[in-house]
Amino acid sequence: MAIKVPGKRYGKRLEHSKVFGHGAHGKKGGYADLLITPLVDMFVIIVLFLIANFSATGEVLMMTKDIQLPEAINVKEIEMHPVVMVSAEQVSVSGTIVGRVEDLVKDEYLNIPALEEKLRDMKKQFEDLHAMAQDDANAFKGDVNIQASKEVEFKIIKRVMFSCATAGYNNINFAVLTKGGPEATPGASASAAPH
């Protein structure tokens, strides 16, 4: 009988396990072969998929559940311009809330001062940016997109249009859905000019 060194002794069943490492299966080689070619192929496919699905222009309109767009037949594709969103509760420009509809209904004014101020700031920023870049080809045209819910009173829409025109945005486009069934595409616009 061989002399054994004192120490932890495991039962016969555990002596040959992978965890305790005394058995034939307990030792693994320290070298793991990593196949680089399939890994690179996978990343190339992922990058191509992301490039194909990425829109360089970005989303023109942010669709929200509280704004239900009206439908129209005669439409043209909407372009990237500042967006004034008018829901049943609030009026916002590019994500910034400029007024609540219940407050605007109570007012007797024809304009919305906070909306005018925000649009004037955006116009000045646009003009300053293009002046610094010396880009005379892309002069300010005064285009704005109004994304209004069809439940909003015309009195509010009229005030929004007046405020846009006063701030220098005279080319007003309304965001609508193309009429023609349940798969109507958002992002079309109908043009209007304030009177």
Protein backbone atom coordinates (compact mmCIF):
# COMPACT_ATOMS: atom_id res chain seq x y z
CA MET A 1 0.00 0.00 0.00
CA ALA A 2 1.28 3.42 -1.00
CA ILE A 3 1.78 6.21 1.48
CA LYS A 4 -0.58 9.15 0.85
CA VAL A 5 0.15 12.77 1.72
CA PRO A 6 -2.23 14.12 4.36
CA GLY A 7 -4.84 16.59 3.14
CA LYS A 8 -8.40 16.72 1.92
CA ARG A 9 -9.70 13.37 0.85
CA TYR A 10 -12.81 13.02 -1.26
CA GLY A 11 -14.99 9.97 -1.50
CA LYS A 12 -14.48 7.47 -4.30
CA ARG A 13 -17.30 8.96 -6.32
CA LEU A 14 -15.89 12.54 -6.16
CA GLU A 15 -12.29 11.50 -6.83
CA HIS A 16 -12.93 11.12 -10.55
CA SER A 17 -15.07 14.26 -11.03
CA LYS A 18 -14.15 17.22 -13.23
CA VAL A 19 -14.51 19.68 -10.36
CA PHE A 20 -11.99 18.10 -8.02
CA GLY A 21 -9.64 17.23 -10.88
CA HIS A 22 -8.28 13.82 -9.93
CA GLY A 23 -10.00 11.94 -12.72
CA ALA A 24 -9.11 11.56 -16.38
CA HIS A 25 -11.65 14.14 -17.38
CA GLY A 26 -10.58 16.71 -14.81
CA LYS A 27 -7.78 18.41 -16.78
CA LYS A 28 -8.50 20.59 -19.80
CA GLY A 29 -6.02 22.15 -22.10
CA GLY A 30 -5.34 25.85 -21.52
CA TYR A 31 -5.57 26.63 -25.27
CA ALA A 32 -9.01 27.42 -26.67
CA ASP A 33 -9.17 27.78 -30.42
CA LEU A 34 -11.22 30.89 -31.35
CA LEU A 35 -12.35 30.98 -34.95
CA ILE A 36 -11.94 34.58 -36.08
CA THR A 37 -13.29 34.24 -39.64
CA PRO A 38 -16.91 33.38 -38.67
CA LEU A 39 -16.80 36.09 -36.02
CA VAL A 40 -15.73 38.72 -38.57
CA ASP A 41 -18.37 37.47 -41.02
CA MET A 42 -21.05 37.82 -38.37
CA PHE A 43 -20.01 41.41 -37.56
CA VAL A 44 -19.94 42.33 -41.27
CA ILE A 45 -23.49 41.03 -41.68
CA ILE A 46 -24.65 42.99 -38.62
CA VAL A 47 -23.01 46.20 -39.89
CA LEU A 48 -24.55 45.78 -43.36
CA PHE A 49 -27.95 45.17 -41.80
CA LEU A 50 -27.68 48.33 -39.67
CA ILE A 51 -26.52 50.43 -42.63
CA ALA A 52 -29.41 49.18 -44.77
CA ASN A 53 -31.98 50.01 -42.08
CA PHE A 54 -30.51 53.33 -40.95
CA SER A 55 -32.09 56.46 -42.32
CA ALA A 56 -29.51 59.21 -42.75
CA THR A 57 -32.16 61.93 -42.82
CA GLY A 58 -33.80 60.81 -39.59
CA GLU A 59 -37.46 60.81 -38.77
CA VAL A 60 -39.31 63.90 -39.96
CA LEU A 61 -42.29 63.39 -37.65
CA MET A 62 -42.47 61.86 -34.22
CA MET A 63 -45.64 59.80 -34.12
CA THR A 64 -47.38 59.89 -30.75
CA LYS A 65 -50.57 58.19 -29.63
CA ASP A 66 -52.23 61.45 -28.52
CA ILE A 67 -52.01 62.96 -32.02
CA GLN A 68 -54.29 61.32 -34.55
CA LEU A 69 -53.51 62.80 -37.96
CA PRO A 70 -56.27 63.64 -40.44
CA GLU A 71 -56.43 61.93 -43.84
CA ALA A 72 -56.01 63.59 -47.24
CA ILE A 73 -55.98 62.48 -50.87
CA ASN A 74 -53.84 65.17 -52.53
CA VAL A 75 -50.48 64.98 -50.70
CA LYS A 76 -46.76 65.33 -51.27
CA GLU A 77 -43.86 63.84 -49.32
CA ILE A 78 -43.02 65.80 -46.19
CA GLU A 79 -39.55 67.35 -45.86
CA MET A 80 -37.29 67.99 -42.88
CA HIS A 81 -38.36 71.30 -41.30
CA PRO A 82 -39.24 72.43 -37.76
CA VAL A 83 -42.29 70.55 -36.45
CA VAL A 84 -45.05 72.18 -34.40
CA MET A 85 -47.02 69.44 -32.65
CA VAL A 86 -50.58 70.24 -31.57
CA SER A 87 -52.33 67.61 -29.46
CA ALA A 88 -55.56 67.88 -27.49
CA GLU A 89 -53.54 68.88 -24.40
CA GLN A 90 -50.48 70.88 -25.52
CA VAL A 91 -48.58 72.70 -28.26
CA SER A 92 -44.88 71.90 -28.65
CA VAL A 93 -42.04 72.77 -31.03
CA SER A 94 -39.31 70.19 -31.61
CA GLY A 95 -40.11 68.51 -28.29
CA THR A 96 -40.32 71.72 -26.21
CA ILE A 97 -43.77 72.47 -24.79
CA VAL A 98 -44.78 76.07 -25.50
CA GLY A 99 -48.38 76.08 -24.32
CA ARG A 100 -51.33 74.12 -23.01
CA VAL A 101 -54.45 73.99 -25.16
CA GLU A 102 -56.84 74.69 -22.26
CA ASP A 103 -54.93 77.92 -21.51
CA LEU A 104 -54.88 78.89 -25.19
CA VAL A 105 -58.67 78.47 -25.49
CA LYS A 106 -59.18 80.99 -22.67
CA ASP A 107 -56.88 83.64 -24.20
CA GLU A 108 -58.30 86.21 -26.59
CA TYR A 109 -55.03 86.91 -28.41
CA LEU A 110 -54.46 85.73 -31.95
CA ASN A 111 -50.84 84.77 -31.41
CA ILE A 112 -49.02 82.39 -29.06
CA PRO A 113 -46.02 84.39 -27.70
CA ALA A 114 -44.01 81.37 -26.48
CA LEU A 115 -44.39 79.65 -29.86
CA GLU A 116 -43.32 82.80 -31.72
CA GLU A 117 -40.28 83.22 -29.50
CA LYS A 118 -39.17 79.60 -29.95
CA LEU A 119 -39.62 79.79 -33.75
CA ARG A 120 -37.72 83.10 -33.93
CA ASP A 121 -34.86 81.51 -31.96
CA MET A 122 -34.82 78.57 -34.38
CA LYS A 123 -34.84 80.94 -37.36
CA LYS A 124 -31.95 82.99 -35.91
CA GLN A 125 -30.00 79.81 -35.18
CA PHE A 126 -30.56 78.60 -38.76
CA GLU A 127 -29.48 81.93 -40.26
CA ASP A 128 -26.41 82.21 -37.99
CA LEU A 129 -25.33 78.67 -38.81
CA HIS A 130 -25.60 79.22 -42.56
CA ALA A 131 -23.95 82.65 -42.32
CA MET A 132 -20.95 81.15 -40.51
CA ALA A 133 -20.73 78.39 -43.14
CA GLN A 134 -21.11 81.04 -45.90
CA ASP A 135 -23.86 78.90 -47.41
CA ASP A 136 -25.91 81.26 -49.57
CA ALA A 137 -27.53 78.43 -51.55
CA ASN A 138 -29.57 77.22 -48.56
CA ALA A 139 -31.17 80.48 -47.47
CA PHE A 140 -34.03 80.50 -44.96
CA LYS A 141 -37.28 79.69 -46.78
CA GLY A 142 -39.68 79.81 -43.84
CA ASP A 143 -40.90 76.20 -44.05
CA VAL A 144 -42.61 74.63 -41.03
CA ASN A 145 -44.56 71.39 -40.52
CA ILE A 146 -47.66 71.41 -38.34
CA GLN A 147 -48.55 68.01 -36.92
CA ALA A 148 -52.01 68.55 -35.46
CA SER A 149 -54.50 66.06 -34.14
CA LYS A 150 -57.81 66.03 -35.97
CA GLU A 151 -59.70 66.58 -32.68
CA VAL A 152 -58.10 70.00 -32.06
CA GLU A 153 -60.37 73.01 -32.59
CA PHE A 154 -59.66 75.19 -35.61
CA LYS A 155 -59.33 78.22 -33.34
CA ILE A 156 -56.13 76.71 -31.90
CA ILE A 157 -54.80 75.73 -35.35
CA LYS A 158 -55.49 79.27 -36.57
CA ARG A 159 -53.48 80.72 -33.65
CA VAL A 160 -50.61 78.30 -34.35
CA MET A 161 -50.61 79.27 -38.04
CA PHE A 162 -50.67 82.99 -37.19
CA SER A 163 -47.78 82.58 -34.74
CA CYS A 164 -45.75 80.66 -37.35
CA ALA A 165 -46.36 83.36 -39.96
CA THR A 166 -45.50 86.16 -37.50
CA ALA A 167 -42.21 84.42 -36.65
CA GLY A 168 -41.26 84.27 -40.34
CA TYR A 169 -42.43 80.75 -41.19
CA ASN A 170 -44.85 81.49 -44.04
CA ASN A 171 -44.65 78.14 -45.87
CA ILE A 172 -46.84 75.96 -43.70
CA ASN A 173 -47.24 72.22 -44.31
CA PHE A 174 -49.76 70.06 -42.48
CA ALA A 175 -48.82 66.48 -41.67
CA VAL A 176 -51.57 64.11 -42.81
CA LEU A 177 -52.10 60.43 -43.52
CA THR A 178 -52.55 59.39 -47.12
CA LYS A 179 -56.18 58.39 -47.59
CA GLY A 180 -56.56 54.89 -48.90
CA GLY A 181 -57.16 52.25 -46.29
CA PRO A 182 -55.72 50.96 -43.05
CA GLU A 183 -52.15 50.93 -44.33
CA ALA A 184 -52.12 54.69 -44.84
CA THR A 185 -48.59 56.04 -44.63
CA PRO A 186 -47.75 58.86 -42.24
CA GLY A 187 -45.35 61.53 -43.36
CA ALA A 188 -47.26 63.07 -46.23
CA SER A 189 -48.10 66.73 -46.10
CA ALA A 190 -50.64 69.12 -47.49
CA SER A 191 -49.52 72.71 -47.98
CA ALA A 192 -51.41 75.74 -46.76
CA ALA A 193 -50.72 79.43 -46.50
CA PRO A 194 -52.16 81.58 -43.71
CA HIS A 195 -54.51 84.37 -44.72
